[in-house]
C-alpha cells in the first residue's frame, strides 16, 4: 500500500519554479511529462520571468513575478477550460512555460553585403556597418504564438537572425531619413543610432519583441571616398604657397631618404625640384597679374591755356577751345607731324 502511494505521489507536481543558470535562454518548458499538477501547488515566478499555462494547445493563465498557490480562484481561464465545479480540487495536466523577459544585451549585428546609400556629394555609394543592440520579450502571448511554437527550449540565437536581417534591410532607410552626408557619418553615430532604433522597433513589435537599444559602432566608406577624404586633409595643410613649397620639400626629403642608395645629392635634387616648382608657380601668378593689368589706351595731356586734362591728340581744348601746340613724342619730346605713326627722331611707335 505504501509503495502504491509513493508511485501516485511521484506523479504529482506540487512545486513549480525555474532557476535560470544561462544567459541566452528565452523560453523554458517546465518538465511535467506524464505528471499532473496538484491543486494547491506552489508556483514561484521570479523577477524578469513570466509563467504561462497551456491547456491542450491553448494559452490559458499567465502569471507575472510572485508566489502563487494554484486554485480555481487564481486560474480563471484554466477553470473555464476544465469546467471545474465549485470547490472541486483535483490534479490536472497542463504545459507550463517560463518566458525570460530580461534584456538580452551585447547582441552583434553587421552588414554581410554593402548597403546602398544616396549621397548629395558622391552620388550612389556602398557602405558597410556593424554594431550591437539589446532586446527583450515585451508581449509574452504574442511571442509564444508567433515565434516560439511548441519547442521545449528557445534561445537568443534562434531569433537573432530575424532581428539582424530586419536591421540591415532598414539601415539604408534610416540613413536616408537622417540626411547626413557621407563625410559626416562618423560624427553622427548617436543621431543615426536613434533614427535606426525608431524605424526598426515597430518592425519587430509584431513578434512580441522590443528593441531596447541600438548602437552603430562603425560605418566604413568605399575606398574611393576615403582617398578623397585623405586628399582633402592633406590640402588643408597647404594653406598658402609657402606652406605648399615646404610640404613638397619635406616630401622630397622623405622620398630621397627612403630611396635605395640615397645620399645628400639626391636629397638636394629633391629639395631643388620642390623649390623650383614653387618658383614656377609664383612666376605664373605674377605673369597672370601683369597680363591682367589694365592698359591705358587713351594717353592724355594738359591744355596749354587752362591746364585742363585733354586727349593727347586733341588740337583744341574741349574746355576752353584754345588751340594746342604741336604734337610731341612722349619718349624724346620731338615735334611730331600730324598722322605720323612713328617718331621721326627716336622711332617710338605713336598711339
Protein backbone atom coordinates (compact mmCIF):
# COMPACT_ATOMS: atom_id res chain seq x y z
CA UNK A 1 0.00 0.00 0.00
CA UNK A 2 2.85 2.41 0.82
CA UNK A 3 4.55 1.52 -2.47
CA UNK A 4 1.44 2.45 -4.47
CA UNK A 5 1.12 5.69 -2.51
CA UNK A 6 4.70 6.63 -3.37
CA UNK A 7 4.07 5.93 -7.08
CA UNK A 8 0.99 8.15 -7.05
CA UNK A 9 2.85 10.88 -5.20
CA UNK A 10 5.69 10.77 -7.74
CA UNK A 11 3.18 11.52 -10.48
CA UNK A 12 2.03 14.74 -8.84
CA UNK A 13 3.75 18.14 -9.03
CA UNK A 14 3.40 20.39 -6.02
CA UNK A 15 6.22 22.93 -6.63
CA UNK A 16 6.71 24.71 -9.96
CA UNK A 17 9.68 27.05 -10.49
CA UNK A 18 12.58 27.69 -12.86
CA UNK A 19 16.10 28.68 -11.87
CA UNK A 20 17.79 30.07 -14.99
CA UNK A 21 21.54 29.47 -14.94
CA UNK A 22 22.11 30.53 -18.55
CA UNK A 23 22.47 33.93 -20.24
CA UNK A 24 20.71 33.21 -23.52
CA UNK A 25 17.57 31.17 -22.70
CA UNK A 26 14.37 32.92 -23.73
CA UNK A 27 11.75 30.20 -23.10
CA UNK A 28 11.88 27.03 -20.98
CA UNK A 29 9.13 24.41 -20.79
CA UNK A 30 8.74 23.02 -17.30
CA UNK A 31 9.12 19.26 -17.29
CA UNK A 32 5.68 17.82 -16.41
CA UNK A 33 5.59 14.97 -18.95
CA UNK A 34 3.46 12.13 -17.58
CA UNK A 35 2.75 14.12 -14.40
CA UNK A 36 -0.20 16.03 -13.06
CA UNK A 37 -0.20 19.35 -11.26
CA UNK A 38 -1.83 19.35 -7.86
CA UNK A 39 -4.44 21.91 -6.96
CA UNK A 40 -2.81 23.96 -4.21
CA UNK A 41 0.66 23.52 -5.74
CA UNK A 42 3.12 26.35 -5.20
CA UNK A 43 4.14 28.41 -8.25
CA UNK A 44 7.15 30.72 -7.93
CA UNK A 45 7.81 33.23 -10.69
CA UNK A 46 10.95 35.29 -10.24
CA UNK A 47 11.72 38.79 -11.45
CA UNK A 48 12.23 39.02 -15.23
CA UNK A 49 10.10 35.85 -15.66
CA UNK A 50 6.55 35.13 -16.77
CA UNK A 51 4.86 31.73 -16.36
CA UNK A 52 2.29 30.64 -18.95
CA UNK A 53 -0.09 27.67 -18.57
CA UNK A 54 -1.16 25.98 -21.81
CA UNK A 55 -4.07 23.54 -21.88
CA UNK A 56 -4.37 21.27 -24.92
CA UNK A 57 -2.51 23.72 -27.12
CA UNK A 58 -4.46 26.77 -25.97
CA UNK A 59 -2.84 29.51 -23.88
CA UNK A 60 -4.62 29.80 -20.55
CA UNK A 61 -3.44 31.70 -17.49
CA UNK A 62 -0.38 34.00 -17.38
CA UNK A 63 1.45 34.72 -14.12
CA UNK A 64 3.89 37.58 -13.54
CA UNK A 65 6.61 37.69 -10.83
CA UNK A 66 5.41 36.47 -7.44
CA UNK A 67 4.45 33.38 -5.40
CA UNK A 68 1.10 31.70 -6.08
CA UNK A 69 -0.96 28.83 -4.66
CA UNK A 70 -2.76 27.31 -7.60
CA UNK A 71 -6.53 27.13 -7.23
CA UNK A 72 -9.65 27.67 -9.28
CA UNK A 73 -9.78 31.22 -7.96
CA UNK A 74 -6.45 32.46 -9.36
CA UNK A 75 -6.68 30.31 -12.52
CA UNK A 76 -9.95 31.59 -14.07
CA UNK A 77 -9.18 30.65 -17.68
CA UNK A 78 -7.94 27.17 -16.77
CA UNK A 79 -11.01 26.72 -14.59
CA UNK A 80 -13.29 27.61 -17.51
CA UNK A 81 -11.43 25.29 -19.87
CA UNK A 82 -11.55 22.36 -17.41
CA UNK A 83 -15.17 23.09 -16.37
CA UNK A 84 -14.33 22.55 -12.73
CA UNK A 85 -17.24 22.75 -10.36
CA UNK A 86 -17.19 24.98 -7.32
CA UNK A 87 -14.87 23.62 -4.66
CA UNK A 88 -13.74 20.73 -6.85
CA UNK A 89 -9.99 20.47 -6.49
CA UNK A 90 -8.20 17.70 -8.35
CA UNK A 91 -4.89 17.18 -10.13
CA UNK A 92 -4.78 18.41 -13.73
CA UNK A 93 -2.48 18.27 -16.73
CA UNK A 94 -1.10 21.40 -18.37
CA UNK A 95 2.06 22.59 -20.06
CA UNK A 96 3.95 25.31 -18.16
CA UNK A 97 6.31 27.66 -19.99
CA UNK A 98 8.64 30.12 -18.32
CA UNK A 99 9.45 33.12 -20.53
CA UNK A 100 12.52 35.22 -19.79
CA UNK A 101 11.65 38.94 -20.04
CA UNK A 102 15.07 40.36 -19.17
CA UNK A 103 17.17 42.36 -21.62
CA UNK A 104 19.40 40.28 -23.87
CA UNK A 105 22.37 42.57 -24.34
CA UNK A 106 25.53 42.86 -26.44
CA UNK A 107 23.95 41.19 -29.47
CA UNK A 108 26.08 41.92 -32.51
CA UNK A 109 24.90 42.94 -35.97
CA UNK A 110 26.68 43.74 -39.21
CA UNK A 111 26.13 44.13 -42.94
CA UNK A 112 27.08 40.95 -44.78
CA UNK A 113 26.83 42.79 -48.09
CA UNK A 114 27.30 46.53 -48.72
CA UNK A 115 24.26 48.77 -48.28
CA UNK A 116 23.47 51.31 -51.00
CA UNK A 117 23.31 54.97 -49.96
CA UNK A 118 22.50 58.09 -51.98
CA UNK A 119 24.84 60.97 -51.08
CA UNK A 120 24.46 64.56 -52.27
CA UNK A 121 28.20 64.90 -52.97
CA UNK A 122 29.32 61.45 -54.16
CA UNK A 123 26.04 60.13 -55.58
CA UNK A 124 25.29 56.42 -55.03
CA UNK A 125 27.86 54.77 -52.78
CA UNK A 126 28.10 51.46 -50.91
CA UNK A 127 28.78 51.35 -47.18
CA UNK A 128 29.34 48.67 -44.56
CA UNK A 129 28.42 48.98 -40.90
CA UNK A 130 28.38 46.99 -37.65
CA UNK A 131 27.42 47.47 -34.00
CA UNK A 132 25.44 46.00 -31.09
CA UNK A 133 21.84 46.00 -29.90
CA UNK A 134 19.73 44.75 -26.99
CA UNK A 135 16.16 43.46 -26.95
CA UNK A 136 13.61 41.71 -24.74
CA UNK A 137 10.25 39.96 -24.89
CA UNK A 138 7.56 42.62 -24.45
CA UNK A 139 4.40 40.61 -25.26
CA UNK A 140 4.66 37.06 -23.93
CA UNK A 141 1.48 35.72 -25.53
CA UNK A 142 2.32 37.14 -28.96
CA UNK A 143 5.88 35.81 -28.76
CA UNK A 144 4.69 32.29 -27.89
CA UNK A 145 2.18 32.29 -30.75
CA UNK A 146 4.32 33.90 -33.46
CA UNK A 147 7.84 32.73 -32.68
CA UNK A 148 8.19 30.03 -30.06
CA UNK A 149 5.68 27.39 -31.17
CA UNK A 150 5.88 24.10 -29.26
CA UNK A 151 9.61 23.78 -28.59
CA UNK A 152 10.95 22.67 -25.25
CA UNK A 153 13.72 25.23 -25.26
CA UNK A 154 14.31 28.51 -27.07
CA UNK A 155 17.49 30.60 -27.13
CA UNK A 156 18.56 34.05 -28.34
CA UNK A 157 20.40 32.58 -31.33
CA UNK A 158 17.11 31.35 -32.79
CA UNK A 159 15.66 34.86 -33.07
CA UNK A 160 18.84 36.87 -33.71
CA UNK A 161 18.85 36.05 -37.41
CA UNK A 162 15.42 37.59 -37.87
CA UNK A 163 16.39 40.76 -35.99
CA UNK A 164 19.70 41.15 -37.86
CA UNK A 165 18.01 40.86 -41.26
CA UNK A 166 15.47 43.46 -40.18
CA UNK A 167 18.27 45.77 -39.02
CA UNK A 168 20.23 45.54 -42.27
CA UNK A 169 17.18 45.89 -44.50
CA UNK A 170 16.11 49.11 -42.77
CA UNK A 171 19.56 50.66 -42.25
CA UNK A 172 19.56 52.31 -45.68
CA UNK A 173 16.15 53.85 -44.90
CA UNK A 174 17.46 55.18 -41.60
CA UNK A 175 20.49 56.79 -43.27
CA UNK A 176 18.29 58.31 -45.99
CA UNK A 177 15.88 59.80 -43.45
CA UNK A 178 18.72 61.26 -41.38
CA UNK A 179 20.02 63.19 -44.45
CA UNK A 180 23.56 63.06 -43.08
CA UNK A 181 26.32 63.45 -45.76
CA UNK A 182 28.69 60.52 -46.17
CA UNK A 183 31.68 62.57 -44.96
CA UNK A 184 29.81 63.43 -41.73
CA UNK A 185 28.53 59.96 -40.82
CA UNK A 186 31.35 59.27 -38.35
CA UNK A 187 30.47 62.38 -36.35
CA UNK A 188 26.76 61.48 -36.15
CA UNK A 189 26.69 57.85 -34.97
CA UNK A 190 24.49 58.74 -31.98
CA UNK A 191 21.87 60.56 -34.05
CA UNK A 192 21.87 57.82 -36.68
CA UNK A 193 21.52 55.12 -33.99
CA UNK A 194 18.43 56.81 -32.56
CA UNK A 195 16.90 57.18 -36.01
CA UNK A 196 17.52 53.49 -36.73
CA UNK A 197 16.03 52.48 -33.38
CA UNK A 198 12.82 54.37 -34.14
CA UNK A 199 12.50 52.71 -37.56
CA UNK A 200 13.40 49.14 -36.56
CA UNK A 201 11.36 48.88 -33.31
CA UNK A 202 7.88 48.75 -34.92
CA UNK A 203 9.02 46.01 -37.32
CA UNK A 204 9.81 43.51 -34.56
CA UNK A 205 6.89 44.51 -32.32
CA UNK A 206 4.67 42.10 -34.26
CA UNK A 207 6.88 39.28 -32.96
CA UNK A 208 6.25 40.29 -29.34
CA UNK A 209 9.78 41.75 -29.10
CA UNK A 210 11.07 45.19 -28.15
CA UNK A 211 14.33 46.68 -29.38
CA UNK A 212 15.67 48.39 -26.25
CA UNK A 213 18.89 49.89 -27.65
CA UNK A 214 20.69 50.08 -30.98
CA UNK A 215 24.30 51.24 -31.36
CA UNK A 216 26.32 51.86 -34.53
CA UNK A 217 29.99 51.29 -33.77
CA UNK A 218 31.43 51.88 -37.24
CA UNK A 219 30.43 52.78 -40.79
CA UNK A 220 33.10 52.13 -43.41
CA UNK A 221 33.01 54.11 -46.66
CA UNK A 222 34.22 52.90 -50.08
CA UNK A 223 37.96 53.15 -50.73
CA UNK A 224 37.47 55.91 -53.32
CA UNK A 225 35.61 58.11 -50.82
CA UNK A 226 38.25 57.51 -48.14
CA UNK A 227 41.01 58.53 -50.57
CA UNK A 228 39.13 61.74 -51.35
CA UNK A 229 38.89 62.48 -47.62
CA UNK A 230 42.64 61.88 -47.23
CA UNK A 231 43.40 64.29 -50.09
CA UNK A 232 41.23 66.98 -48.56
CA UNK A 233 43.00 66.53 -45.26
CA UNK A 234 46.39 66.87 -46.96
CA UNK A 235 45.29 70.00 -48.82
CA UNK A 236 44.27 71.54 -45.52
CA UNK A 237 47.94 71.56 -44.56
CA UNK A 238 48.92 73.69 -47.56
CA UNK A 239 47.11 76.91 -46.70
CA UNK A 240 49.33 79.15 -48.89
CA UNK A 241 52.18 78.83 -51.40
CA UNK A 242 54.96 78.92 -48.81
CA UNK A 243 53.44 76.06 -46.86
CA UNK A 244 52.91 74.18 -50.10
CA UNK A 245 56.60 74.58 -51.02
CA UNK A 246 57.67 73.46 -47.55
CA UNK A 247 55.38 70.48 -47.76
CA UNK A 248 56.78 69.46 -51.16
CA UNK A 249 60.35 69.89 -49.89
CA UNK A 250 59.62 67.71 -46.87
CA UNK A 251 58.06 65.05 -49.10
CA UNK A 252 61.09 65.14 -51.41
CA UNK A 253 63.47 64.73 -48.47
CA UNK A 254 61.50 61.77 -47.16
CA UNK A 255 61.40 60.06 -50.57
CA UNK A 256 65.10 60.68 -51.12
CA UNK A 257 65.99 59.31 -47.69
CA UNK A 258 63.93 56.16 -48.29
CA UNK A 259 65.26 55.58 -51.79
CA UNK A 260 67.90 52.81 -52.21
CA UNK A 261 71.42 54.28 -52.10
CA UNK A 262 70.14 57.65 -51.00
CA UNK A 263 72.67 60.44 -50.38
CA UNK A 264 72.76 64.17 -49.81
CA UNK A 265 72.93 64.82 -53.56
CA UNK A 266 69.66 63.01 -54.05
CA UNK A 267 68.14 64.97 -51.22
CA UNK A 268 69.39 68.20 -52.77
CA UNK A 269 67.84 67.32 -56.13
CA UNK A 270 64.51 66.61 -54.47
CA UNK A 271 64.59 69.86 -52.50
CA UNK A 272 65.66 71.79 -55.60
CA UNK A 273 62.78 70.34 -57.60
CA UNK A 274 60.32 71.28 -54.91
CA UNK A 275 61.73 74.82 -54.69
CA UNK A 276 61.69 75.18 -58.49
CA UNK A 277 58.07 74.10 -58.58
CA UNK A 278 57.20 76.76 -56.03
CA UNK A 279 59.12 79.43 -58.01
CA UNK A 280 57.41 78.46 -61.27
CA UNK A 281 54.06 78.70 -59.57
CA UNK A 282 54.94 82.15 -58.16
CA UNK A 283 56.12 83.42 -61.56
CA UNK A 284 52.99 82.12 -63.19
CA UNK A 285 50.88 84.02 -60.68
CA UNK A 286 52.91 87.21 -61.27
CA UNK A 287 52.66 86.91 -65.08
CA UNK A 288 48.96 86.41 -64.78
CA UNK A 289 48.65 89.51 -62.62
CA UNK A 290 50.76 91.55 -65.11
CA UNK A 291 48.84 90.34 -68.14
CA UNK A 292 45.59 91.18 -66.44
CA UNK A 293 46.69 94.74 -65.50
CA UNK A 294 44.62 97.43 -67.29
CA UNK A 295 46.37 99.21 -70.22
CA UNK A 296 45.90 102.93 -70.68
CA UNK A 297 44.52 103.08 -74.24
CA UNK A 298 43.95 106.89 -74.23
CA UNK A 299 47.10 108.93 -73.21
CA UNK A 300 46.33 112.49 -72.09
CA UNK A 301 47.96 115.94 -71.80
CA UNK A 302 47.17 119.31 -70.21
CA UNK A 303 45.73 122.27 -72.11
CA UNK A 304 48.38 124.99 -72.77
CA UNK A 305 45.83 127.65 -71.83
CA UNK A 306 43.61 126.42 -68.95
CA UNK A 307 45.52 123.34 -67.82
CA UNK A 308 42.50 121.01 -68.26
CA UNK A 309 43.34 117.38 -68.97
CA UNK A 310 42.52 116.56 -72.60
CA UNK A 311 43.27 113.80 -75.13
CA UNK A 312 46.88 113.70 -76.22
CA UNK A 313 46.00 114.04 -79.94
CA UNK A 314 43.45 116.87 -79.46
CA UNK A 315 44.24 120.09 -81.45
CA UNK A 316 41.78 122.20 -79.43
CA UNK A 317 40.88 122.15 -75.72
CA UNK A 318 37.43 120.70 -75.07
CA UNK A 319 37.09 123.02 -72.06
CA UNK A 320 38.28 126.46 -73.23
CA UNK A 321 38.66 125.94 -77.00
CA UNK A 322 42.30 127.10 -77.09
CA UNK A 323 44.43 125.75 -79.92
CA UNK A 324 47.11 123.41 -78.71
CA UNK A 325 50.79 123.45 -79.70
CA UNK A 326 52.44 120.95 -81.95
CA UNK A 327 52.22 117.28 -81.05
CA UNK A 328 55.30 115.97 -79.19
CA UNK A 329 56.77 112.46 -78.82
CA UNK A 330 56.32 111.07 -75.31
CA UNK A 331 59.71 109.33 -75.48
CA UNK A 332 62.08 112.09 -76.76
CA UNK A 333 59.91 115.24 -76.81
CA UNK A 334 60.46 115.88 -80.56
CA UNK A 335 57.68 117.62 -82.53
CA UNK A 336 55.54 115.14 -84.45
CA UNK A 337 53.78 115.80 -87.70
CA UNK A 338 50.05 115.07 -87.95
CA UNK A 339 49.01 111.50 -88.80
CA UNK A 340 52.52 110.14 -88.03
CA UNK A 341 52.67 106.59 -86.69
CA UNK A 342 56.31 106.66 -85.55
CA UNK A 343 58.57 109.44 -84.15
CA UNK A 344 60.99 110.67 -86.85
CA UNK A 345 63.67 111.33 -84.19
CA UNK A 346 63.68 108.17 -81.98
CA UNK A 347 61.42 105.74 -83.83
CA UNK A 348 58.93 105.41 -80.92
CA UNK A 349 55.61 103.95 -82.02
CA UNK A 350 52.85 106.52 -81.57
CA UNK A 351 49.32 105.84 -80.38
